[in-house]
Amino acid sequence: MKQTKLEMGKVYYNVMLYMGRCGVWSYLYRNDAVDKRMIRIGNCFRKKKDAEAMKVKVLKVLKG
């Protein structure tokens, strides 16, 4: 899986489930443990539209 390269302090997006809803969230890259985990599992997108596209895929999988 291709890993996203980010710059310190720049915004990135990921897809998260929260309170039973799937959404796109934005974060500032700080190179902390959470950021590294999101990159490692492929849930890190520089563009919001890319995260939104992944959200559609996640919802399809969840709805089975």
PDB file of N, CA and C in Angstrom:
ATOM      1  N   MET A   1       0.844  -1.186   0.000  1.00  0.00           N
ATOM      2  CA  MET A   1       0.000   0.000   0.000  1.00  0.00           C
ATOM      3  C   MET A   1       0.885   1.242   0.000  1.00  0.00           C
ATOM      4  N   LYS A   2       0.542   2.188  -0.852  1.00  0.00           N
ATOM      5  CA  LYS A   2       1.304   3.427  -0.949  1.00  0.00           C
ATOM      6  C   LYS A   2       1.125   4.257   0.319  1.00  0.00           C
ATOM      7  N   GLN A   3       2.230   4.711   0.882  1.00  0.00           N
ATOM      8  CA  GLN A   3       2.155   5.534   2.074  1.00  0.00           C
ATOM      9  C   GLN A   3       2.197   7.007   1.707  1.00  0.00           C
ATOM     10  N   THR A   4       1.357   7.787   2.364  1.00  0.00           N
ATOM     11  CA  THR A   4       1.273   9.225   2.116  1.00  0.00           C
ATOM     12  C   THR A   4       2.395   9.939   2.856  1.00  0.00           C
ATOM     13  N   LYS A   5       3.075  10.822   2.160  1.00  0.00           N
ATOM     14  CA  LYS A   5       4.119  11.654   2.772  1.00  0.00           C
ATOM     15  C   LYS A   5       3.485  12.979   3.170  1.00  0.00           C
ATOM     16  N   LEU A   6       3.695  13.387   4.412  1.00  0.00           N
ATOM     17  CA  LEU A   6       3.090  14.620   4.910  1.00  0.00           C
ATOM     18  C   LEU A   6       4.150  15.553   5.480  1.00  0.00           C
ATOM     19  N   GLU A   7       3.801  16.834   5.523  1.00  0.00           N
ATOM     20  CA  GLU A   7       4.678  17.833   6.122  1.00  0.00           C
ATOM     21  C   GLU A   7       4.140  18.223   7.493  1.00  0.00           C
ATOM     22  N   MET A   8       5.050  18.500   8.404  1.00  0.00           N
ATOM     23  CA  MET A   8       4.683  18.895   9.759  1.00  0.00           C
ATOM     24  C   MET A   8       3.746  20.102   9.724  1.00  0.00           C
ATOM     25  N   GLY A   9       2.648  20.001  10.456  1.00  0.00           N
ATOM     26  CA  GLY A   9       1.702  21.101  10.580  1.00  0.00           C
ATOM     27  C   GLY A   9       0.685  21.203   9.457  1.00  0.00           C
ATOM     28  N   LYS A  10       0.782  20.344   8.449  1.00  0.00           N
ATOM     29  CA  LYS A  10      -0.177  20.366   7.333  1.00  0.00           C
ATOM     30  C   LYS A  10      -1.390  19.496   7.682  1.00  0.00           C
ATOM     31  N   VAL A  11      -2.522  19.832   7.097  1.00  0.00           N
ATOM     32  CA  VAL A  11      -3.763  19.089   7.340  1.00  0.00           C
ATOM     33  C   VAL A  11      -3.781  17.813   6.504  1.00  0.00           C
ATOM     34  N   TYR A  12      -4.272  16.732   7.113  1.00  0.00           N
ATOM     35  CA  TYR A  12      -4.571  15.518   6.374  1.00  0.00           C
ATOM     36  C   TYR A  12      -5.946  15.035   6.813  1.00  0.00           C
ATOM     37  N   TYR A  13      -6.510  14.100   6.066  1.00  0.00           N
ATOM     38  CA  TYR A  13      -7.869  13.613   6.318  1.00  0.00           C
ATOM     39  C   TYR A  13      -7.848  12.102   6.477  1.00  0.00           C
ATOM     40  N   ASN A  14      -8.791  11.606   7.268  1.00  0.00           N
ATOM     41  CA  ASN A  14      -8.981  10.164   7.356  1.00  0.00           C
ATOM     42  C   ASN A  14     -10.460   9.849   7.543  1.00  0.00           C
ATOM     43  N   VAL A  15     -10.773   8.574   7.411  1.00  0.00           N
ATOM     44  CA  VAL A  15     -12.143   8.097   7.542  1.00  0.00           C
ATOM     45  C   VAL A  15     -12.269   7.430   8.902  1.00  0.00           C
ATOM     46  N   MET A  16     -13.255   7.854   9.676  1.00  0.00           N
ATOM     47  CA  MET A  16     -13.433   7.299  11.018  1.00  0.00           C
ATOM     48  C   MET A  16     -14.902   6.977  11.272  1.00  0.00           C
ATOM     49  N   LEU A  17     -15.114   5.994  12.100  1.00  0.00           N
ATOM     50  CA  LEU A  17     -16.451   5.697  12.606  1.00  0.00           C
ATOM     51  C   LEU A  17     -16.556   6.306  13.994  1.00  0.00           C
ATOM     52  N   TYR A  18     -17.625   7.061  14.227  1.00  0.00           N
ATOM     53  CA  TYR A  18     -17.825   7.699  15.521  1.00  0.00           C
ATOM     54  C   TYR A  18     -19.315   7.734  15.801  1.00  0.00           C
ATOM     55  N   MET A  19     -19.696   7.205  16.927  1.00  0.00           N
ATOM     56  CA  MET A  19     -21.104   7.200  17.349  1.00  0.00           C
ATOM     57  C   MET A  19     -21.998   6.569  16.270  1.00  0.00           C
ATOM     58  N   GLY A  20     -21.475   5.510  15.641  1.00  0.00           N
ATOM     59  CA  GLY A  20     -22.244   4.791  14.643  1.00  0.00           C
ATOM     60  C   GLY A  20     -22.310   5.453  13.283  1.00  0.00           C
ATOM     61  N   ARG A  21     -21.570   6.532  13.081  1.00  0.00           N
ATOM     62  CA  ARG A  21     -21.579   7.232  11.797  1.00  0.00           C
ATOM     63  C   ARG A  21     -20.174   7.227  11.203  1.00  0.00           C
ATOM     64  N   CYS A  22     -20.136   7.132   9.912  1.00  0.00           N
ATOM     65  CA  CYS A  22     -18.875   7.156   9.184  1.00  0.00           C
ATOM     66  C   CYS A  22     -18.659   8.574   8.660  1.00  0.00           C
ATOM     67  N   GLY A  23     -17.496   9.132   8.942  1.00  0.00           N
ATOM     68  CA  GLY A  23     -17.236  10.498   8.505  1.00  0.00           C
ATOM     69  C   GLY A  23     -15.790  10.722   8.140  1.00  0.00           C
ATOM     70  N   VAL A  24     -15.532  11.856   7.535  1.00  0.00           N
ATOM     71  CA  VAL A  24     -14.177  12.275   7.194  1.00  0.00           C
ATOM     72  C   VAL A  24     -13.753  13.327   8.214  1.00  0.00           C
ATOM     73  N   TRP A  25     -12.599  13.123   8.793  1.00  0.00           N
ATOM     74  CA  TRP A  25     -12.073  14.015   9.830  1.00  0.00           C
ATOM     75  C   TRP A  25     -10.761  14.614   9.362  1.00  0.00           C
ATOM     76  N   SER A  26     -10.472  15.812   9.793  1.00  0.00           N
ATOM     77  CA  SER A  26      -9.197  16.454   9.451  1.00  0.00           C
ATOM     78  C   SER A  26      -8.328  16.572  10.706  1.00  0.00           C
ATOM     79  N   TYR A  27      -7.034  16.455  10.486  1.00  0.00           N
ATOM     80  CA  TYR A  27      -6.054  16.518  11.569  1.00  0.00           C
ATOM     81  C   TYR A  27      -4.837  17.287  11.093  1.00  0.00           C
ATOM     82  N   LEU A  28      -4.113  17.875  12.025  1.00  0.00           N
ATOM     83  CA  LEU A  28      -2.817  18.473  11.720  1.00  0.00           C
ATOM     84  C   LEU A  28      -1.746  17.405  11.923  1.00  0.00           C
ATOM     85  N   TYR A  29      -0.878  17.273  10.957  1.00  0.00           N
ATOM     86  CA  TYR A  29       0.189  16.283  11.051  1.00  0.00           C
ATOM     87  C   TYR A  29       1.242  16.753  12.048  1.00  0.00           C
ATOM     88  N   ARG A  30       1.486  15.882  13.052  1.00  0.00           N
ATOM     89  CA  ARG A  30       2.476  16.188  14.092  1.00  0.00           C
ATOM     90  C   ARG A  30       3.527  15.099  14.231  1.00  0.00           C
ATOM     91  N   ASN A  31       3.429  14.087  13.370  1.00  0.00           N
ATOM     92  CA  ASN A  31       4.345  12.947  13.415  1.00  0.00           C
ATOM     93  C   ASN A  31       4.272  12.210  14.756  1.00  0.00           C
ATOM     94  N   ASP A  32       3.095  12.183  15.354  1.00  0.00           N
ATOM     95  CA  ASP A  32       2.919  11.463  16.613  1.00  0.00           C
ATOM     96  C   ASP A  32       2.448  10.029  16.323  1.00  0.00           C
ATOM     97  N   ALA A  33       2.170   9.277  17.376  1.00  0.00           N
ATOM     98  CA  ALA A  33       1.789   7.873  17.225  1.00  0.00           C
ATOM     99  C   ALA A  33       0.508   7.697  16.409  1.00  0.00           C
ATOM    100  N   VAL A  34      -0.460   8.583  16.594  1.00  0.00           N
ATOM    101  CA  VAL A  34      -1.718   8.490  15.845  1.00  0.00           C
ATOM    102  C   VAL A  34      -1.460   8.735  14.360  1.00  0.00           C
ATOM    103  N   ASP A  35      -0.707   9.769  14.047  1.00  0.00           N
ATOM    104  CA  ASP A  35      -0.382  10.065  12.655  1.00  0.00           C
ATOM    105  C   ASP A  35       0.336   8.878  12.002  1.00  0.00           C
ATOM    106  N   LYS A  36       1.316   8.324  12.691  1.00  0.00           N
ATOM    107  CA  LYS A  36       2.070   7.194  12.142  1.00  0.00           C
ATOM    108  C   LYS A  36       1.171   5.984  11.914  1.00  0.00           C
ATOM    109  N   ARG A  37       0.229   5.756  12.832  1.00  0.00           N
ATOM    110  CA  ARG A  37      -0.698   4.634  12.685  1.00  0.00           C
ATOM    111  C   ARG A  37      -1.617   4.845  11.485  1.00  0.00           C
ATOM    112  N   MET A  38      -2.133   6.054  11.319  1.00  0.00           N
ATOM    113  CA  MET A  38      -3.019   6.339  10.182  1.00  0.00           C
ATOM    114  C   MET A  38      -2.289   6.133   8.858  1.00  0.00           C
ATOM    115  N   ILE A  39      -1.042   6.559   8.792  1.00  0.00           N
ATOM    116  CA  ILE A  39      -0.248   6.358   7.583  1.00  0.00           C
ATOM    117  C   ILE A  39      -0.019   4.869   7.356  1.00  0.00           C
ATOM    118  N   ARG A  40       0.362   4.162   8.402  1.00  0.00           N
ATOM    119  CA  ARG A  40       0.686   2.733   8.293  1.00  0.00           C
ATOM    120  C   ARG A  40      -0.495   1.907   7.795  1.00  0.00           C
ATOM    121  N   ILE A  41      -1.716   2.232   8.240  1.00  0.00           N
ATOM    122  CA  ILE A  41      -2.876   1.445   7.818  1.00  0.00           C
ATOM    123  C   ILE A  41      -3.525   1.974   6.543  1.00  0.00           C
ATOM    124  N   GLY A  42      -2.973   3.055   5.990  1.00  0.00           N
ATOM    125  CA  GLY A  42      -3.484   3.585   4.733  1.00  0.00           C
ATOM    126  C   GLY A  42      -4.715   4.456   4.875  1.00  0.00           C
ATOM    127  N   ASN A  43      -4.933   4.998   6.067  1.00  0.00           N
ATOM    128  CA  ASN A  43      -6.099   5.841   6.320  1.00  0.00           C
ATOM    129  C   ASN A  43      -5.649   7.291   6.507  1.00  0.00           C
ATOM    130  N   CYS A  44      -4.912   7.771   5.527  1.00  0.00           N
ATOM    131  CA  CYS A  44      -4.344   9.110   5.591  1.00  0.00           C
ATOM    132  C   CYS A  44      -4.351   9.685   4.183  1.00  0.00           C
ATOM    133  N   PHE A  45      -5.054  10.797   3.995  1.00  0.00           N
ATOM    134  CA  PHE A  45      -5.231  11.367   2.663  1.00  0.00           C
ATOM    135  C   PHE A  45      -4.909  12.860   2.687  1.00  0.00           C
ATOM    136  N   ARG A  46      -4.139  13.316   1.712  1.00  0.00           N
ATOM    137  CA  ARG A  46      -3.815  14.735   1.632  1.00  0.00           C
ATOM    138  C   ARG A  46      -5.016  15.556   1.190  1.00  0.00           C
ATOM    139  N   LYS A  47      -5.878  14.971   0.364  1.00  0.00           N
ATOM    140  CA  LYS A  47      -7.028  15.687  -0.175  1.00  0.00           C
ATOM    141  C   LYS A  47      -8.324  15.140   0.421  1.00  0.00           C
ATOM    142  N   LYS A  48      -9.213  16.059   0.783  1.00  0.00           N
ATOM    143  CA  LYS A  48     -10.490  15.663   1.363  1.00  0.00           C
ATOM    144  C   LYS A  48     -11.292  14.802   0.390  1.00  0.00           C
ATOM    145  N   LYS A  49     -11.217  15.109  -0.911  1.00  0.00           N
ATOM    146  CA  LYS A  49     -11.984  14.342  -1.889  1.00  0.00           C
ATOM    147  C   LYS A  49     -11.529  12.883  -1.926  1.00  0.00           C
ATOM    148  N   ASP A  50     -10.251  12.616  -1.673  1.00  0.00           N
ATOM    149  CA  ASP A  50      -9.760  11.237  -1.632  1.00  0.00           C
ATOM    150  C   ASP A  50     -10.309  10.503  -0.411  1.00  0.00           C
ATOM    151  N   ALA A  51     -10.375  11.200   0.710  1.00  0.00           N
ATOM    152  CA  ALA A  51     -10.954  10.600   1.922  1.00  0.00           C
ATOM    153  C   ALA A  51     -12.443  10.352   1.732  1.00  0.00           C
ATOM    154  N   GLU A  52     -13.140  11.261   1.074  1.00  0.00           N
ATOM    155  CA  GLU A  52     -14.573  11.079   0.806  1.00  0.00           C
ATOM    156  C   GLU A  52     -14.807   9.854  -0.077  1.00  0.00           C
ATOM    157  N   ALA A  53     -13.929   9.649  -1.074  1.00  0.00           N
ATOM    158  CA  ALA A  53     -14.044   8.474  -1.941  1.00  0.00           C
ATOM    159  C   ALA A  53     -13.844   7.196  -1.134  1.00  0.00           C
ATOM    160  N   MET A  54     -12.906   7.210  -0.199  1.00  0.00           N
ATOM    161  CA  MET A  54     -12.688   6.033   0.648  1.00  0.00           C
ATOM    162  C   MET A  54     -13.883   5.818   1.572  1.00  0.00           C
ATOM    163  N   LYS A  55     -14.490   6.880   2.036  1.00  0.00           N
ATOM    164  CA  LYS A  55     -15.670   6.768   2.902  1.00  0.00           C
ATOM    165  C   LYS A  55     -16.778   6.002   2.174  1.00  0.00           C
ATOM    166  N   VAL A  56     -16.978   6.289   0.894  1.00  0.00           N
ATOM    167  CA  VAL A  56     -17.993   5.592   0.097  1.00  0.00           C
ATOM    168  C   VAL A  56     -17.684   4.093   0.062  1.00  0.00           C
ATOM    169  N   LYS A  57     -16.419   3.745  -0.118  1.00  0.00           N
ATOM    170  CA  LYS A  57     -16.010   2.332  -0.145  1.00  0.00           C
ATOM    171  C   LYS A  57     -16.252   1.667   1.211  1.00  0.00           C
ATOM    172  N   VAL A  58     -15.907   2.368   2.277  1.00  0.00           N
ATOM    173  CA  VAL A  58     -16.099   1.822   3.626  1.00  0.00           C
ATOM    174  C   VAL A  58     -17.585   1.567   3.885  1.00  0.00           C
ATOM    175  N   LEU A  59     -18.413   2.504   3.527  1.00  0.00           N
ATOM    176  CA  LEU A  59     -19.864   2.341   3.739  1.00  0.00           C
ATOM    177  C   LEU A  59     -20.406   1.158   2.953  1.00  0.00           C
ATOM    178  N   LYS A  60     -19.906   0.929   1.739  1.00  0.00           N
ATOM    179  CA  LYS A  60     -20.341  -0.230   0.947  1.00  0.00           C
ATOM    180  C   LYS A  60     -19.984  -1.524   1.658  1.00  0.00           C
ATOM    181  N   VAL A  61     -18.782  -1.587   2.208  1.00  0.00           N
ATOM    182  CA  VAL A  61     -18.349  -2.786   2.923  1.00  0.00           C
ATOM    183  C   VAL A  61     -19.206  -3.003   4.173  1.00  0.00           C
ATOM    184  N   LEU A  62     -19.455  -1.938   4.911  1.00  0.00           N
ATOM    185  CA  LEU A  62     -20.238  -2.051   6.140  1.00  0.00           C
ATOM    186  C   LEU A  62     -21.688  -2.482   5.873  1.00  0.00           C
ATOM    187  N   LYS A  63     -22.230  -2.023   4.757  1.00  0.00           N
ATOM    188  CA  LYS A  63     -23.620  -2.382   4.430  1.00  0.00           C
ATOM    189  C   LYS A  63     -23.705  -3.778   3.823  1.00  0.00           C
ATOM    190  N   GLY A  64     -22.543  -4.314   3.460  1.00  0.00           N
ATOM    191  CA  GLY A  64     -22.440  -5.690   2.983  1.00  0.00           C
ATOM    192  C   GLY A  64     -23.101  -5.937   1.699  1.00  0.00           C
TER     193      GLY A  64
END
